Amino acid sequence: MANKRLFYLSCTVALFVIELLIALYVHDTIIRPYIGDVLVTILVYVCVRIVFPYGIRLLPLYVFIFACGIEFIQYLQIIEVLGLSGNVIARTVIGTSFSWIDILCYGAGCLVCLFDRYLYRLAGDK
């Protein structure tokens, strides 16, 4: 079990660093808005897998629902409601605008998570 947790911790750290680099340095029209959304769902998934290394059967679905919930609060303009418009961290973490394309990206990330058991096996453990 420790090997699985270490694997998911390593994935979490790597994805977090990638997401941080994207947020800080990438200001394009493809990687930041789309690839970043795909990766963030994978990041949430592997983070949960640290705590539950043998998995939760419907975890990709739960992550997708969570991501859609965040997108819904963007639709409600929660940043403005809470008075956090000037807070760069809150704007980056929560986001500021609703988009159906973001939901498609979250779905794509969750589809990648369905292949988790195969990815873990490729890393060397059975």
N, C-alpha and C. Protein backbone atom coordinates (compact mmCIF):
# COMPACT_ATOMS: atom_id res chain seq x y z
N MET A 1 0.83 -1.19 0.00
CA MET A 1 0.00 0.00 0.00
C MET A 1 0.87 1.26 0.00
N ALA A 2 1.99 1.21 0.68
CA ALA A 2 2.87 2.38 0.73
C ALA A 2 3.39 2.73 -0.66
N ASN A 3 3.67 1.70 -1.49
CA ASN A 3 4.14 1.97 -2.86
C ASN A 3 3.08 2.70 -3.67
N LYS A 4 1.82 2.28 -3.52
CA LYS A 4 0.74 2.95 -4.25
C LYS A 4 0.61 4.39 -3.79
N ARG A 5 0.65 4.61 -2.50
CA ARG A 5 0.53 5.98 -1.98
C ARG A 5 1.68 6.85 -2.46
N LEU A 6 2.87 6.30 -2.48
CA LEU A 6 4.02 7.05 -2.97
C LEU A 6 3.87 7.36 -4.46
N PHE A 7 3.36 6.41 -5.22
CA PHE A 7 3.11 6.63 -6.64
C PHE A 7 2.13 7.79 -6.84
N TYR A 8 1.01 7.77 -6.10
CA TYR A 8 0.01 8.82 -6.26
C TYR A 8 0.50 10.15 -5.70
N LEU A 9 1.30 10.12 -4.66
CA LEU A 9 1.89 11.36 -4.13
C LEU A 9 2.83 11.97 -5.17
N SER A 10 3.63 11.13 -5.80
CA SER A 10 4.54 11.62 -6.86
C SER A 10 3.76 12.23 -8.02
N CYS A 11 2.69 11.55 -8.42
CA CYS A 11 1.84 12.08 -9.50
C CYS A 11 1.20 13.41 -9.10
N THR A 12 0.76 13.49 -7.84
CA THR A 12 0.13 14.72 -7.35
C THR A 12 1.12 15.88 -7.38
N VAL A 13 2.31 15.64 -6.88
CA VAL A 13 3.33 16.71 -6.86
C VAL A 13 3.69 17.13 -8.28
N ALA A 14 3.90 16.16 -9.15
CA ALA A 14 4.26 16.49 -10.53
C ALA A 14 3.16 17.28 -11.23
N LEU A 15 1.92 16.84 -11.08
CA LEU A 15 0.81 17.56 -11.72
C LEU A 15 0.61 18.94 -11.11
N PHE A 16 0.79 19.05 -9.79
CA PHE A 16 0.65 20.37 -9.16
C PHE A 16 1.71 21.34 -9.69
N VAL A 17 2.93 20.87 -9.82
CA VAL A 17 4.00 21.73 -10.35
C VAL A 17 3.67 22.14 -11.79
N ILE A 18 3.20 21.19 -12.60
CA ILE A 18 2.82 21.50 -13.98
C ILE A 18 1.70 22.53 -14.01
N GLU A 19 0.68 22.34 -13.19
CA GLU A 19 -0.44 23.29 -13.12
C GLU A 19 0.04 24.67 -12.67
N LEU A 20 0.94 24.70 -11.70
CA LEU A 20 1.48 25.97 -11.21
C LEU A 20 2.25 26.69 -12.31
N LEU A 21 3.07 25.95 -13.03
CA LEU A 21 3.83 26.54 -14.13
C LEU A 21 2.90 27.06 -15.22
N ILE A 22 1.86 26.30 -15.52
CA ILE A 22 0.88 26.76 -16.52
C ILE A 22 0.21 28.05 -16.04
N ALA A 23 -0.21 28.07 -14.77
CA ALA A 23 -0.89 29.25 -14.25
C ALA A 23 0.01 30.48 -14.24
N LEU A 24 1.27 30.29 -13.93
CA LEU A 24 2.18 31.43 -13.81
C LEU A 24 2.77 31.90 -15.13
N TYR A 25 3.04 30.97 -16.05
CA TYR A 25 3.84 31.34 -17.21
C TYR A 25 3.18 31.13 -18.58
N VAL A 26 2.10 30.41 -18.63
CA VAL A 26 1.49 30.13 -19.94
C VAL A 26 0.24 31.00 -20.09
N HIS A 27 0.25 31.84 -21.07
CA HIS A 27 -0.88 32.74 -21.31
C HIS A 27 -1.32 32.65 -22.78
N ASP A 28 -1.64 31.43 -23.16
CA ASP A 28 -2.03 31.19 -24.55
C ASP A 28 -3.52 30.88 -24.65
N THR A 29 -3.93 30.39 -25.79
CA THR A 29 -5.36 30.10 -25.99
C THR A 29 -5.66 28.60 -26.03
N ILE A 30 -4.66 27.74 -25.78
CA ILE A 30 -4.91 26.30 -25.80
C ILE A 30 -4.48 25.63 -24.50
N ILE A 31 -3.21 25.75 -24.14
CA ILE A 31 -2.70 25.01 -22.99
C ILE A 31 -3.35 25.46 -21.69
N ARG A 32 -3.33 26.74 -21.41
CA ARG A 32 -3.88 27.20 -20.13
C ARG A 32 -5.38 26.92 -20.01
N PRO A 33 -6.19 27.30 -20.98
CA PRO A 33 -7.62 27.10 -20.78
C PRO A 33 -8.11 25.66 -20.95
N TYR A 34 -7.46 24.87 -21.79
CA TYR A 34 -7.97 23.53 -22.07
C TYR A 34 -7.15 22.42 -21.41
N ILE A 35 -5.88 22.38 -21.70
CA ILE A 35 -5.02 21.34 -21.12
C ILE A 35 -4.97 21.49 -19.60
N GLY A 36 -4.95 22.72 -19.12
CA GLY A 36 -4.97 22.94 -17.67
C GLY A 36 -6.21 22.37 -17.02
N ASP A 37 -7.36 22.49 -17.69
CA ASP A 37 -8.61 21.94 -17.15
C ASP A 37 -8.61 20.41 -17.18
N VAL A 38 -8.03 19.83 -18.20
CA VAL A 38 -7.92 18.37 -18.25
C VAL A 38 -7.02 17.89 -17.10
N LEU A 39 -5.89 18.56 -16.95
CA LEU A 39 -4.93 18.14 -15.92
C LEU A 39 -5.44 18.36 -14.50
N VAL A 40 -6.25 19.38 -14.29
CA VAL A 40 -6.70 19.64 -12.92
C VAL A 40 -7.61 18.52 -12.42
N THR A 41 -8.40 17.93 -13.29
CA THR A 41 -9.24 16.81 -12.84
C THR A 41 -8.39 15.59 -12.53
N ILE A 42 -7.35 15.39 -13.30
CA ILE A 42 -6.43 14.28 -13.01
C ILE A 42 -5.71 14.55 -11.69
N LEU A 43 -5.34 15.80 -11.45
CA LEU A 43 -4.69 16.18 -10.19
C LEU A 43 -5.59 15.89 -8.99
N VAL A 44 -6.84 16.25 -9.07
CA VAL A 44 -7.77 15.97 -7.97
C VAL A 44 -7.89 14.47 -7.77
N TYR A 45 -7.98 13.73 -8.85
CA TYR A 45 -8.12 12.27 -8.78
C TYR A 45 -6.92 11.63 -8.06
N VAL A 46 -5.69 11.96 -8.50
CA VAL A 46 -4.52 11.32 -7.90
C VAL A 46 -4.32 11.77 -6.46
N CYS A 47 -4.75 12.98 -6.15
CA CYS A 47 -4.67 13.47 -4.77
C CYS A 47 -5.58 12.62 -3.85
N VAL A 48 -6.78 12.33 -4.31
CA VAL A 48 -7.69 11.49 -3.53
C VAL A 48 -7.13 10.08 -3.41
N ARG A 49 -6.48 9.60 -4.46
CA ARG A 49 -5.94 8.24 -4.45
C ARG A 49 -4.80 8.09 -3.44
N ILE A 50 -4.17 9.17 -3.00
CA ILE A 50 -3.17 9.06 -1.93
C ILE A 50 -3.85 8.52 -0.67
N VAL A 51 -5.04 9.02 -0.38
CA VAL A 51 -5.78 8.61 0.81
C VAL A 51 -6.45 7.26 0.61
N PHE A 52 -6.93 7.01 -0.59
CA PHE A 52 -7.61 5.75 -0.92
C PHE A 52 -6.84 5.05 -2.03
N PRO A 53 -5.68 4.45 -1.71
CA PRO A 53 -4.81 3.91 -2.76
C PRO A 53 -5.40 2.75 -3.55
N TYR A 54 -6.36 2.03 -2.99
CA TYR A 54 -6.94 0.93 -3.74
C TYR A 54 -8.21 1.34 -4.46
N GLY A 55 -8.49 2.62 -4.44
CA GLY A 55 -9.51 3.17 -5.30
C GLY A 55 -10.92 3.17 -4.75
N ILE A 56 -11.67 4.00 -5.35
CA ILE A 56 -13.10 4.12 -5.17
C ILE A 56 -13.68 3.89 -6.55
N ARG A 57 -14.54 2.95 -6.67
CA ARG A 57 -15.02 2.50 -7.98
C ARG A 57 -15.48 3.64 -8.88
N LEU A 58 -16.22 4.57 -8.36
CA LEU A 58 -16.77 5.66 -9.17
C LEU A 58 -16.02 6.98 -8.99
N LEU A 59 -14.77 6.91 -8.52
CA LEU A 59 -14.03 8.14 -8.26
C LEU A 59 -13.94 9.07 -9.47
N PRO A 60 -13.67 8.58 -10.68
CA PRO A 60 -13.66 9.52 -11.81
C PRO A 60 -14.99 10.28 -11.96
N LEU A 61 -16.09 9.61 -11.72
CA LEU A 61 -17.40 10.27 -11.78
C LEU A 61 -17.52 11.32 -10.68
N TYR A 62 -17.08 10.98 -9.47
CA TYR A 62 -17.15 11.94 -8.36
C TYR A 62 -16.28 13.16 -8.62
N VAL A 63 -15.11 12.94 -9.20
CA VAL A 63 -14.23 14.07 -9.55
C VAL A 63 -14.91 14.94 -10.60
N PHE A 64 -15.55 14.31 -11.58
CA PHE A 64 -16.25 15.06 -12.62
C PHE A 64 -17.38 15.90 -12.01
N ILE A 65 -18.14 15.33 -11.11
CA ILE A 65 -19.22 16.06 -10.45
C ILE A 65 -18.66 17.23 -9.64
N PHE A 66 -17.56 17.00 -8.94
CA PHE A 66 -16.90 18.07 -8.17
C PHE A 66 -16.47 19.20 -9.11
N ALA A 67 -15.82 18.85 -10.22
CA ALA A 67 -15.36 19.86 -11.17
C ALA A 67 -16.53 20.64 -11.76
N CYS A 68 -17.62 19.94 -12.06
CA CYS A 68 -18.82 20.62 -12.57
C CYS A 68 -19.41 21.55 -11.51
N GLY A 69 -19.31 21.14 -10.25
CA GLY A 69 -19.78 22.00 -9.16
C GLY A 69 -18.98 23.29 -9.09
N ILE A 70 -17.67 23.18 -9.26
CA ILE A 70 -16.83 24.39 -9.29
C ILE A 70 -17.21 25.25 -10.48
N GLU A 71 -17.45 24.62 -11.61
CA GLU A 71 -17.85 25.39 -12.80
C GLU A 71 -19.19 26.07 -12.57
N PHE A 72 -20.10 25.40 -11.88
CA PHE A 72 -21.40 25.99 -11.58
C PHE A 72 -21.26 27.22 -10.67
N ILE A 73 -20.37 27.15 -9.68
CA ILE A 73 -20.20 28.35 -8.83
C ILE A 73 -19.53 29.48 -9.60
N GLN A 74 -18.79 29.13 -10.65
CA GLN A 74 -18.29 30.18 -11.54
C GLN A 74 -19.45 30.84 -12.27
N TYR A 75 -20.41 30.03 -12.68
CA TYR A 75 -21.61 30.55 -13.33
C TYR A 75 -22.34 31.53 -12.40
N LEU A 76 -22.34 31.23 -11.10
CA LEU A 76 -22.97 32.11 -10.11
C LEU A 76 -22.11 33.31 -9.75
N GLN A 77 -20.93 33.40 -10.37
CA GLN A 77 -19.98 34.49 -10.15
C GLN A 77 -19.63 34.64 -8.67
N ILE A 78 -19.27 33.51 -8.06
CA ILE A 78 -18.99 33.47 -6.63
C ILE A 78 -17.83 34.38 -6.24
N ILE A 79 -16.87 34.58 -7.12
CA ILE A 79 -15.74 35.46 -6.82
C ILE A 79 -16.24 36.87 -6.52
N GLU A 80 -17.16 37.37 -7.34
CA GLU A 80 -17.70 38.70 -7.12
C GLU A 80 -18.60 38.72 -5.88
N VAL A 81 -19.41 37.67 -5.71
CA VAL A 81 -20.32 37.59 -4.56
C VAL A 81 -19.54 37.64 -3.25
N LEU A 82 -18.40 36.95 -3.21
CA LEU A 82 -17.59 36.92 -1.99
C LEU A 82 -16.65 38.11 -1.88
N GLY A 83 -16.63 38.96 -2.88
CA GLY A 83 -15.77 40.14 -2.84
C GLY A 83 -14.30 39.81 -3.05
N LEU A 84 -14.02 38.76 -3.81
CA LEU A 84 -12.64 38.33 -4.03
C LEU A 84 -12.12 38.69 -5.42
N SER A 85 -12.74 39.66 -6.06
CA SER A 85 -12.35 40.03 -7.43
C SER A 85 -10.90 40.44 -7.53
N GLY A 86 -10.37 41.04 -6.49
CA GLY A 86 -8.99 41.49 -6.51
C GLY A 86 -7.99 40.44 -6.06
N ASN A 87 -8.45 39.28 -5.63
CA ASN A 87 -7.57 38.24 -5.12
C ASN A 87 -7.16 37.31 -6.27
N VAL A 88 -5.89 37.43 -6.68
CA VAL A 88 -5.39 36.67 -7.82
C VAL A 88 -5.43 35.17 -7.55
N ILE A 89 -5.11 34.76 -6.34
CA ILE A 89 -5.10 33.33 -6.01
C ILE A 89 -6.52 32.76 -6.10
N ALA A 90 -7.49 33.45 -5.52
CA ALA A 90 -8.88 32.98 -5.57
C ALA A 90 -9.38 32.93 -7.01
N ARG A 91 -9.03 33.93 -7.79
CA ARG A 91 -9.46 33.96 -9.19
C ARG A 91 -8.83 32.81 -9.98
N THR A 92 -7.60 32.45 -9.66
CA THR A 92 -6.91 31.37 -10.36
C THR A 92 -7.44 30.01 -9.94
N VAL A 93 -7.62 29.81 -8.63
CA VAL A 93 -8.05 28.51 -8.12
C VAL A 93 -9.51 28.23 -8.45
N ILE A 94 -10.38 29.18 -8.20
CA ILE A 94 -11.81 28.97 -8.41
C ILE A 94 -12.21 29.25 -9.85
N GLY A 95 -11.58 30.21 -10.46
CA GLY A 95 -11.94 30.59 -11.81
C GLY A 95 -12.99 31.70 -11.79
N THR A 96 -13.21 32.29 -12.92
CA THR A 96 -14.10 33.46 -12.96
C THR A 96 -15.23 33.38 -13.97
N SER A 97 -15.16 32.41 -14.88
CA SER A 97 -16.21 32.39 -15.90
C SER A 97 -16.63 30.96 -16.24
N PHE A 98 -17.91 30.79 -16.41
CA PHE A 98 -18.49 29.49 -16.77
C PHE A 98 -18.25 29.21 -18.25
N SER A 99 -17.96 27.94 -18.56
CA SER A 99 -17.81 27.55 -19.95
C SER A 99 -18.17 26.07 -20.12
N TRP A 100 -18.99 25.80 -21.11
CA TRP A 100 -19.33 24.41 -21.42
C TRP A 100 -18.10 23.65 -21.89
N ILE A 101 -17.19 24.33 -22.55
CA ILE A 101 -15.96 23.68 -23.01
C ILE A 101 -15.13 23.21 -21.83
N ASP A 102 -15.12 23.96 -20.73
CA ASP A 102 -14.42 23.52 -19.53
C ASP A 102 -14.98 22.20 -19.02
N ILE A 103 -16.28 22.05 -19.08
CA ILE A 103 -16.91 20.80 -18.63
C ILE A 103 -16.48 19.64 -19.52
N LEU A 104 -16.36 19.89 -20.82
CA LEU A 104 -15.85 18.85 -21.72
C LEU A 104 -14.41 18.48 -21.37
N CYS A 105 -13.60 19.48 -21.02
CA CYS A 105 -12.22 19.22 -20.62
C CYS A 105 -12.16 18.41 -19.32
N TYR A 106 -13.03 18.72 -18.39
CA TYR A 106 -13.09 17.94 -17.14
C TYR A 106 -13.47 16.50 -17.46
N GLY A 107 -14.40 16.32 -18.36
CA GLY A 107 -14.78 14.97 -18.77
C GLY A 107 -13.62 14.22 -19.40
N ALA A 108 -12.84 14.91 -20.22
CA ALA A 108 -11.68 14.28 -20.85
C ALA A 108 -10.66 13.85 -19.78
N GLY A 109 -10.44 14.71 -18.80
CA GLY A 109 -9.52 14.36 -17.72
C GLY A 109 -10.00 13.17 -16.93
N CYS A 110 -11.29 13.11 -16.67
CA CYS A 110 -11.86 11.98 -15.93
C CYS A 110 -11.80 10.70 -16.74
N LEU A 111 -11.91 10.80 -18.06
CA LEU A 111 -11.76 9.61 -18.91
C LEU A 111 -10.34 9.05 -18.79
N VAL A 112 -9.36 9.94 -18.72
CA VAL A 112 -7.98 9.50 -18.53
C VAL A 112 -7.86 8.74 -17.21
N CYS A 113 -8.56 9.21 -16.18
CA CYS A 113 -8.51 8.56 -14.87
C CYS A 113 -9.08 7.15 -14.89
N LEU A 114 -9.94 6.86 -15.85
CA LEU A 114 -10.48 5.50 -15.96
C LEU A 114 -9.38 4.49 -16.29
N PHE A 115 -8.29 4.95 -16.86
CA PHE A 115 -7.18 4.08 -17.22
C PHE A 115 -6.13 3.99 -16.11
N ASP A 116 -6.48 4.47 -14.93
CA ASP A 116 -5.55 4.53 -13.82
C ASP A 116 -4.93 3.18 -13.50
N ARG A 117 -5.71 2.14 -13.43
CA ARG A 117 -5.15 0.83 -13.05
C ARG A 117 -4.10 0.37 -14.04
N TYR A 118 -4.25 0.74 -15.30
CA TYR A 118 -3.27 0.35 -16.31
C TYR A 118 -2.01 1.22 -16.21
N LEU A 119 -2.19 2.49 -15.91
CA LEU A 119 -1.05 3.38 -15.76
C LEU A 119 -0.20 2.96 -14.57
N TYR A 120 -0.86 2.57 -13.48
CA TYR A 120 -0.12 2.13 -12.30
C TYR A 120 0.67 0.86 -12.62
N ARG A 121 0.08 -0.04 -13.37
CA ARG A 121 0.78 -1.26 -13.75
C ARG A 121 1.98 -0.96 -14.64
N LEU A 122 1.83 0.03 -15.53
CA LEU A 122 2.94 0.43 -16.38
C LEU A 122 4.10 0.99 -15.56
N ALA A 123 3.76 1.57 -14.41
CA ALA A 123 4.81 2.14 -13.54
C ALA A 123 5.60 1.04 -12.83
N GLY A 124 5.14 -0.21 -12.93
CA GLY A 124 5.94 -1.30 -12.39
C GLY A 124 5.30 -2.13 -11.31
N ASP A 125 4.15 -1.72 -10.76
CA ASP A 125 3.50 -2.50 -9.71
C ASP A 125 2.28 -3.19 -10.27
N LYS A 126 1.94 -4.30 -9.65
CA LYS A 126 0.76 -5.06 -10.08
C LYS A 126 -0.37 -4.88 -9.10
